[in-house]
Amino acid sequence: MICGNGFDSQMFTLTVGPEAKSFTAHAAFLSQSPVFEKMCSGQFQESHTCEIKLPEDNPEVIRAFIQYLYTGNVLDFGSLASGHGPKGAGLQLAGLYMTAEKYQMPNLKDLVLWKLGSLLDPTKHPEEFLFIARLMYENIPDSDSGWRSLFKDCAMCLLKPSLMSKCVRTVFDHYLHQGGAQAVDMMEAKCTHYEALLDSAEVEVCEFKTRNQRSLDLR
């Protein structure tokens, strides 16, 4: 929460990415992040130079991050990318989610997760979905239950025979055999999928038996 007029606070310059792209933001807005709060008001060099260097971050993602700090909303990445392939909007949102994790912004994570859930469609772009998922698992802690729950729901869609192409199966099996949290979640999704199929089959068998018994009774 911004106390008072945040626009009266000190202005900081953020130098982002290997090309050192510059953005400016007020200390009061940046300080919504505990990480940036320490940089802006602590005994760090940044609080004296009013410059924060982020060489490993993505400029477009930081632009969206700053926009969220000021507006409480997330930039529509569809205006920046086509949304197709691993360089699309899904990848940008994944990057913003990881940035929110890095700078300790749980509310931003919740918002981005909701947008990812609306955007990611493994039935249309399965390879892209698996690519983004692998990137997420490599950069967020295993304790991130929100993302892991979303992934398992999406992964179950990939298990439909009509979607499990040879290419998708190869990628799916590759990640499954690599181990780690993603492999655990993929196996859970697989088990849940087969359990649902068995439950559905049992219902069909019961209904068939009921119909068949009624037919016999009418004879």
C-alpha atoms as a PDB file:
ATOM      1  CA  MET A   1       0.000   0.000   0.000  1.00  0.00           C
ATOM      2  CA  ILE A   2       1.294   3.474  -0.914  1.00  0.00           C
ATOM      3  CA  CYS A   3       1.229   5.903   2.020  1.00  0.00           C
ATOM      4  CA  GLY A   4       0.674   9.550   1.127  1.00  0.00           C
ATOM      5  CA  ASN A   5       1.548  10.868  -2.304  1.00  0.00           C
ATOM      6  CA  GLY A   6       3.950   8.324  -3.765  1.00  0.00           C
ATOM      7  CA  PHE A   7       4.734  10.684  -6.626  1.00  0.00           C
ATOM      8  CA  ASP A   8       6.573  12.951  -4.180  1.00  0.00           C
ATOM      9  CA  SER A   9       9.086  10.221  -3.307  1.00  0.00           C
ATOM     10  CA  GLN A  10      12.582   9.885  -4.738  1.00  0.00           C
ATOM     11  CA  MET A  11      12.828   8.856  -8.378  1.00  0.00           C
ATOM     12  CA  PHE A  12      14.990   5.818  -9.181  1.00  0.00           C
ATOM     13  CA  THR A  13      16.441   4.659 -12.488  1.00  0.00           C
ATOM     14  CA  LEU A  14      16.296   0.944 -13.235  1.00  0.00           C
ATOM     15  CA  THR A  15      18.882  -0.281 -15.742  1.00  0.00           C
ATOM     16  CA  VAL A  16      17.617  -3.572 -17.127  1.00  0.00           C
ATOM     17  CA  GLY A  17      19.045  -6.388 -19.214  1.00  0.00           C
ATOM     18  CA  PRO A  18      22.364  -6.791 -21.036  1.00  0.00           C
ATOM     19  CA  GLU A  19      21.574  -3.745 -23.184  1.00  0.00           C
ATOM     20  CA  ALA A  20      21.000  -1.628 -20.055  1.00  0.00           C
ATOM     21  CA  LYS A  21      17.551  -0.360 -21.006  1.00  0.00           C
ATOM     22  CA  SER A  22      16.429   2.376 -18.586  1.00  0.00           C
ATOM     23  CA  PHE A  23      13.150   2.799 -16.723  1.00  0.00           C
ATOM     24  CA  THR A  24      12.247   5.243 -13.976  1.00  0.00           C
ATOM     25  CA  ALA A  25       9.996   4.701 -10.979  1.00  0.00           C
ATOM     26  CA  HIS A  26       9.277   6.362  -7.641  1.00  0.00           C
ATOM     27  CA  ALA A  27      10.711   4.829  -4.480  1.00  0.00           C
ATOM     28  CA  ALA A  28       7.287   4.623  -2.847  1.00  0.00           C
ATOM     29  CA  PHE A  29       5.946   2.417  -5.646  1.00  0.00           C
ATOM     30  CA  LEU A  30       9.087   0.297  -5.915  1.00  0.00           C
ATOM     31  CA  SER A  31       9.004  -0.268  -2.159  1.00  0.00           C
ATOM     32  CA  GLN A  32       5.883  -2.399  -2.475  1.00  0.00           C
ATOM     33  CA  SER A  33       8.466  -5.087  -3.143  1.00  0.00           C
ATOM     34  CA  PRO A  34      10.443  -5.946   0.023  1.00  0.00           C
ATOM     35  CA  VAL A  35      13.519  -6.440  -2.149  1.00  0.00           C
ATOM     36  CA  PHE A  36      13.304  -3.007  -3.750  1.00  0.00           C
ATOM     37  CA  GLU A  37      12.349  -1.428  -0.432  1.00  0.00           C
ATOM     38  CA  LYS A  38      15.729  -2.429   0.971  1.00  0.00           C
ATOM     39  CA  MET A  39      17.481  -1.024  -2.099  1.00  0.00           C
ATOM     40  CA  CYS A  40      15.631   2.275  -1.879  1.00  0.00           C
ATOM     41  CA  SER A  41      15.824   2.931   1.838  1.00  0.00           C
ATOM     42  CA  GLY A  42      18.551   0.742   3.294  1.00  0.00           C
ATOM     43  CA  GLN A  43      22.302   1.057   3.481  1.00  0.00           C
ATOM     44  CA  PHE A  44      22.801  -0.305  -0.009  1.00  0.00           C
ATOM     45  CA  GLN A  45      24.612   1.592  -2.723  1.00  0.00           C
ATOM     46  CA  GLU A  46      21.380   1.954  -4.711  1.00  0.00           C
ATOM     47  CA  SER A  47      19.813   4.173  -2.040  1.00  0.00           C
ATOM     48  CA  HIS A  48      22.622   6.695  -2.564  1.00  0.00           C
ATOM     49  CA  THR A  49      23.023   6.535  -6.350  1.00  0.00           C
ATOM     50  CA  CYS A  50      19.257   6.200  -7.018  1.00  0.00           C
ATOM     51  CA  GLU A  51      20.115   3.637  -9.679  1.00  0.00           C
ATOM     52  CA  ILE A  52      19.189  -0.049  -9.577  1.00  0.00           C
ATOM     53  CA  LYS A  53      20.954  -2.381 -11.993  1.00  0.00           C
ATOM     54  CA  LEU A  54      19.067  -5.506 -13.095  1.00  0.00           C
ATOM     55  CA  PRO A  55      21.302  -7.053 -15.782  1.00  0.00           C
ATOM     56  CA  GLU A  56      19.641 -10.480 -15.661  1.00  0.00           C
ATOM     57  CA  ASP A  57      16.050  -9.285 -16.016  1.00  0.00           C
ATOM     58  CA  ASN A  58      13.972  -8.906 -19.169  1.00  0.00           C
ATOM     59  CA  PRO A  59      13.172  -5.234 -20.038  1.00  0.00           C
ATOM     60  CA  GLU A  60       9.634  -5.952 -21.257  1.00  0.00           C
ATOM     61  CA  VAL A  61       8.879  -7.985 -18.144  1.00  0.00           C
ATOM     62  CA  ILE A  62      10.234  -5.236 -15.883  1.00  0.00           C
ATOM     63  CA  ARG A  63       8.125  -2.716 -17.811  1.00  0.00           C
ATOM     64  CA  ALA A  64       5.036  -4.781 -16.967  1.00  0.00           C
ATOM     65  CA  PHE A  65       6.253  -5.180 -13.378  1.00  0.00           C
ATOM     66  CA  ILE A  66       6.538  -1.404 -12.952  1.00  0.00           C
ATOM     67  CA  GLN A  67       3.125  -0.906 -14.529  1.00  0.00           C
ATOM     68  CA  TYR A  68       1.665  -3.280 -11.949  1.00  0.00           C
ATOM     69  CA  LEU A  69       3.331  -1.333  -9.120  1.00  0.00           C
ATOM     70  CA  TYR A  70       1.589   1.835 -10.312  1.00  0.00           C
ATOM     71  CA  THR A  71      -1.774   0.483 -11.470  1.00  0.00           C
ATOM     72  CA  GLY A  72      -2.328  -2.871  -9.790  1.00  0.00           C
ATOM     73  CA  ASN A  73      -2.905  -4.392 -13.218  1.00  0.00           C
ATOM     74  CA  VAL A  74      -0.838  -6.416 -15.679  1.00  0.00           C
ATOM     75  CA  LEU A  75       0.056  -5.367 -19.195  1.00  0.00           C
ATOM     76  CA  ASP A  76      -1.669  -7.299 -21.971  1.00  0.00           C
ATOM     77  CA  PHE A  77       1.329  -9.076 -23.453  1.00  0.00           C
ATOM     78  CA  GLY A  78      -0.808  -9.874 -26.478  1.00  0.00           C
ATOM     79  CA  SER A  79       0.019  -6.370 -27.660  1.00  0.00           C
ATOM     80  CA  LEU A  80       3.731  -7.198 -27.562  1.00  0.00           C
ATOM     81  CA  ALA A  81       3.770 -10.690 -29.048  1.00  0.00           C
ATOM     82  CA  SER A  82       1.734 -12.896 -31.324  1.00  0.00           C
ATOM     83  CA  GLY A  83       1.047 -15.459 -28.607  1.00  0.00           C
ATOM     84  CA  HIS A  84       2.307 -18.284 -30.845  1.00  0.00           C
ATOM     85  CA  GLY A  85       5.506 -20.181 -30.140  1.00  0.00           C
ATOM     86  CA  PRO A  86       7.725 -19.953 -27.088  1.00  0.00           C
ATOM     87  CA  LYS A  87       8.332 -16.214 -27.645  1.00  0.00           C
ATOM     88  CA  GLY A  88       4.657 -15.390 -27.275  1.00  0.00           C
ATOM     89  CA  ALA A  89       2.572 -13.872 -24.545  1.00  0.00           C
ATOM     90  CA  GLY A  90       2.648 -17.044 -22.451  1.00  0.00           C
ATOM     91  CA  LEU A  91       6.420 -16.866 -22.118  1.00  0.00           C
ATOM     92  CA  GLN A  92       6.255 -13.181 -21.152  1.00  0.00           C
ATOM     93  CA  LEU A  93       3.669 -13.910 -18.470  1.00  0.00           C
ATOM     94  CA  ALA A  94       5.790 -16.773 -17.177  1.00  0.00           C
ATOM     95  CA  GLY A  95       8.702 -14.356 -16.964  1.00  0.00           C
ATOM     96  CA  LEU A  96       6.552 -11.910 -14.999  1.00  0.00           C
ATOM     97  CA  TYR A  97       5.508 -14.683 -12.625  1.00  0.00           C
ATOM     98  CA  MET A  98       9.146 -15.573 -11.971  1.00  0.00           C
ATOM     99  CA  THR A  99       9.960 -11.886 -11.495  1.00  0.00           C
ATOM    100  CA  ALA A 100       7.159 -11.585  -8.938  1.00  0.00           C
ATOM    101  CA  GLU A 101       8.652 -14.563  -7.110  1.00  0.00           C
ATOM    102  CA  LYS A 102      12.136 -13.022  -7.255  1.00  0.00           C
ATOM    103  CA  TYR A 103      10.983  -9.688  -5.838  1.00  0.00           C
ATOM    104  CA  GLN A 104       8.550 -11.189  -3.304  1.00  0.00           C
ATOM    105  CA  MET A 105       5.238  -9.953  -4.744  1.00  0.00           C
ATOM    106  CA  PRO A 106       2.627 -12.656  -3.907  1.00  0.00           C
ATOM    107  CA  ASN A 107      -0.364 -10.600  -5.076  1.00  0.00           C
ATOM    108  CA  LEU A 108       1.228 -10.133  -8.488  1.00  0.00           C
ATOM    109  CA  LYS A 109       1.900 -13.866  -8.647  1.00  0.00           C
ATOM    110  CA  ASP A 110      -1.784 -14.580  -8.014  1.00  0.00           C
ATOM    111  CA  LEU A 111      -2.844 -12.182 -10.784  1.00  0.00           C
ATOM    112  CA  VAL A 112      -0.358 -13.567 -13.295  1.00  0.00           C
ATOM    113  CA  LEU A 113      -1.313 -17.142 -12.432  1.00  0.00           C
ATOM    114  CA  TRP A 114      -4.944 -16.329 -13.183  1.00  0.00           C
ATOM    115  CA  LYS A 115      -3.938 -14.809 -16.527  1.00  0.00           C
ATOM    116  CA  LEU A 116      -1.735 -17.801 -17.329  1.00  0.00           C
ATOM    117  CA  GLY A 117      -4.627 -20.123 -16.589  1.00  0.00           C
ATOM    118  CA  SER A 118      -6.762 -18.199 -19.090  1.00  0.00           C
ATOM    119  CA  LEU A 119      -4.030 -18.031 -21.725  1.00  0.00           C
ATOM    120  CA  LEU A 120      -2.278 -21.401 -21.673  1.00  0.00           C
ATOM    121  CA  ASP A 121      -4.081 -23.874 -23.889  1.00  0.00           C
ATOM    122  CA  PRO A 122      -2.192 -27.159 -24.117  1.00  0.00           C
ATOM    123  CA  THR A 123      -4.805 -28.482 -26.543  1.00  0.00           C
ATOM    124  CA  LYS A 124      -3.733 -25.921 -29.175  1.00  0.00           C
ATOM    125  CA  HIS A 125      -0.026 -25.418 -28.428  1.00  0.00           C
ATOM    126  CA  PRO A 126       1.173 -28.457 -26.430  1.00  0.00           C
ATOM    127  CA  GLU A 127       4.876 -28.028 -27.213  1.00  0.00           C
ATOM    128  CA  GLU A 128       4.749 -24.362 -26.136  1.00  0.00           C
ATOM    129  CA  PHE A 129       2.948 -25.288 -22.941  1.00  0.00           C
ATOM    130  CA  LEU A 130       5.577 -27.898 -22.033  1.00  0.00           C
ATOM    131  CA  PHE A 131       8.389 -25.472 -22.869  1.00  0.00           C
ATOM    132  CA  ILE A 132       6.950 -22.780 -20.605  1.00  0.00           C
ATOM    133  CA  ALA A 133       6.248 -25.325 -17.875  1.00  0.00           C
ATOM    134  CA  ARG A 134       9.849 -26.525 -17.872  1.00  0.00           C
ATOM    135  CA  LEU A 135      11.088 -22.943 -17.622  1.00  0.00           C
ATOM    136  CA  MET A 136       8.799 -22.306 -14.671  1.00  0.00           C
ATOM    137  CA  TYR A 137       9.878 -25.417 -12.777  1.00  0.00           C
ATOM    138  CA  GLU A 138      13.532 -24.489 -13.261  1.00  0.00           C
ATOM    139  CA  ASN A 139      13.055 -21.021 -11.756  1.00  0.00           C
ATOM    140  CA  ILE A 140      10.467 -21.267  -8.980  1.00  0.00           C
ATOM    141  CA  PRO A 141      10.603 -23.163  -5.665  1.00  0.00           C
ATOM    142  CA  ASP A 142       9.027 -26.598  -5.345  1.00  0.00           C
ATOM    143  CA  SER A 143       6.772 -25.139  -2.641  1.00  0.00           C
ATOM    144  CA  ASP A 144       4.873 -23.046  -5.220  1.00  0.00           C
ATOM    145  CA  SER A 145       1.539 -24.862  -4.968  1.00  0.00           C
ATOM    146  CA  GLY A 146      -0.344 -22.367  -7.140  1.00  0.00           C
ATOM    147  CA  TRP A 147       1.675 -22.987 -10.291  1.00  0.00           C
ATOM    148  CA  ARG A 148       1.948 -26.733  -9.651  1.00  0.00           C
ATOM    149  CA  SER A 149      -1.824 -27.064  -9.358  1.00  0.00           C
ATOM    150  CA  LEU A 150      -2.354 -25.164 -12.620  1.00  0.00           C
ATOM    151  CA  PHE A 151       0.245 -27.297 -14.380  1.00  0.00           C
ATOM    152  CA  LYS A 152      -1.393 -30.561 -13.298  1.00  0.00           C
ATOM    153  CA  ASP A 153      -4.782 -29.390 -14.557  1.00  0.00           C
ATOM    154  CA  CYS A 154      -3.275 -28.448 -17.937  1.00  0.00           C
ATOM    155  CA  ALA A 155      -1.153 -31.594 -18.149  1.00  0.00           C
ATOM    156  CA  MET A 156      -4.252 -33.763 -17.813  1.00  0.00           C
ATOM    157  CA  CYS A 157      -5.561 -32.237 -21.048  1.00  0.00           C
ATOM    158  CA  LEU A 158      -2.446 -33.443 -22.882  1.00  0.00           C
ATOM    159  CA  LEU A 159      -3.161 -37.045 -21.953  1.00  0.00           C
ATOM    160  CA  LYS A 160      -6.160 -37.256 -24.250  1.00  0.00           C
ATOM    161  CA  PRO A 161      -5.338 -39.677 -27.096  1.00  0.00           C
ATOM    162  CA  SER A 162      -6.361 -37.127 -29.716  1.00  0.00           C
ATOM    163  CA  LEU A 163      -3.690 -34.705 -28.453  1.00  0.00           C
ATOM    164  CA  MET A 164      -0.874 -37.089 -27.540  1.00  0.00           C
ATOM    165  CA  SER A 165       1.040 -36.932 -30.807  1.00  0.00           C
ATOM    166  CA  LYS A 166       4.403 -38.671 -31.169  1.00  0.00           C
ATOM    167  CA  CYS A 167       6.204 -35.345 -30.697  1.00  0.00           C
ATOM    168  CA  VAL A 168       4.217 -34.397 -27.585  1.00  0.00           C
ATOM    169  CA  ARG A 169       4.644 -37.879 -26.115  1.00  0.00           C
ATOM    170  CA  THR A 170       8.405 -37.674 -26.660  1.00  0.00           C
ATOM    171  CA  VAL A 171       8.616 -34.299 -24.886  1.00  0.00           C
ATOM    172  CA  PHE A 172       6.264 -35.458 -22.123  1.00  0.00           C
ATOM    173  CA  ASP A 173       8.287 -38.622 -21.490  1.00  0.00           C
ATOM    174  CA  HIS A 174      11.559 -36.657 -21.610  1.00  0.00           C
ATOM    175  CA  TYR A 175      10.474 -34.331 -18.795  1.00  0.00           C
ATOM    176  CA  LEU A 176       8.939 -37.252 -16.899  1.00  0.00           C
ATOM    177  CA  HIS A 177      12.259 -39.110 -16.816  1.00  0.00           C
ATOM    178  CA  GLN A 178      14.251 -36.030 -15.783  1.00  0.00           C
ATOM    179  CA  GLY A 179      12.820 -36.238 -12.289  1.00  0.00           C
ATOM    180  CA  GLY A 180      12.132 -33.376  -9.909  1.00  0.00           C
ATOM    181  CA  ALA A 181       8.913 -31.574  -9.025  1.00  0.00           C
ATOM    182  CA  GLN A 182       7.698 -31.427 -12.632  1.00  0.00           C
ATOM    183  CA  ALA A 183       8.031 -35.200 -13.038  1.00  0.00           C
ATOM    184  CA  VAL A 184       6.119 -35.748  -9.787  1.00  0.00           C
ATOM    185  CA  ASP A 185       3.304 -33.465 -10.951  1.00  0.00           C
ATOM    186  CA  MET A 186       3.195 -35.096 -14.382  1.00  0.00           C
ATOM    187  CA  MET A 187       2.874 -38.513 -12.780  1.00  0.00           C
ATOM    188  CA  GLU A 188       0.103 -37.254 -10.474  1.00  0.00           C
ATOM    189  CA  ALA A 189      -1.740 -35.805 -13.479  1.00  0.00           C
ATOM    190  CA  LYS A 190      -1.315 -39.110 -15.294  1.00  0.00           C
ATOM    191  CA  CYS A 191      -2.690 -41.100 -12.350  1.00  0.00           C
ATOM    192  CA  THR A 192      -5.620 -38.721 -11.904  1.00  0.00           C
ATOM    193  CA  HIS A 193      -6.399 -38.974 -15.614  1.00  0.00           C
ATOM    194  CA  TYR A 194      -6.463 -42.779 -15.549  1.00  0.00           C
ATOM    195  CA  GLU A 195      -8.498 -42.831 -12.338  1.00  0.00           C
ATOM    196  CA  ALA A 196     -11.069 -40.599 -14.042  1.00  0.00           C
ATOM    197  CA  LEU A 197     -11.159 -42.960 -17.019  1.00  0.00           C
ATOM    198  CA  LEU A 198     -11.703 -45.954 -14.716  1.00  0.00           C
ATOM    199  CA  ASP A 199     -14.470 -44.157 -12.825  1.00  0.00           C
ATOM    200  CA  SER A 200     -16.139 -43.270 -16.099  1.00  0.00           C
ATOM    201  CA  ALA A 201     -15.832 -46.859 -17.320  1.00  0.00           C
ATOM    202  CA  GLU A 202     -17.344 -48.187 -14.090  1.00  0.00           C
ATOM    203  CA  VAL A 203     -20.302 -45.832 -14.472  1.00  0.00           C
ATOM    204  CA  GLU A 204     -20.837 -46.990 -18.057  1.00  0.00           C
ATOM    205  CA  VAL A 205     -20.695 -50.639 -16.992  1.00  0.00           C
ATOM    206  CA  CYS A 206     -23.233 -50.043 -14.198  1.00  0.00           C
ATOM    207  CA  GLU A 207     -25.562 -48.202 -16.568  1.00  0.00           C
ATOM    208  CA  PHE A 208     -25.238 -50.995 -19.136  1.00  0.00           C
ATOM    209  CA  LYS A 209     -26.040 -53.645 -16.534  1.00  0.00           C
ATOM    210  CA  THR A 210     -29.072 -51.670 -15.377  1.00  0.00           C
ATOM    211  CA  ARG A 211     -30.407 -51.246 -18.913  1.00  0.00           C
ATOM    212  CA  ASN A 212     -29.749 -54.899 -19.698  1.00  0.00           C
ATOM    213  CA  GLN A 213     -31.538 -56.072 -16.549  1.00  0.00           C
ATOM    214  CA  ARG A 214     -34.550 -53.931 -17.381  1.00  0.00           C
ATOM    215  CA  SER A 215     -34.690 -55.458 -20.835  1.00  0.00           C
ATOM    216  CA  LEU A 216     -34.605 -58.937 -19.347  1.00  0.00           C
ATOM    217  CA  ASP A 217     -37.352 -58.075 -16.842  1.00  0.00           C
ATOM    218  CA  LEU A 218     -39.619 -56.866 -19.644  1.00  0.00           C
ATOM    219  CA  ARG A 219     -39.401 -60.164 -21.511  1.00  0.00           C
END
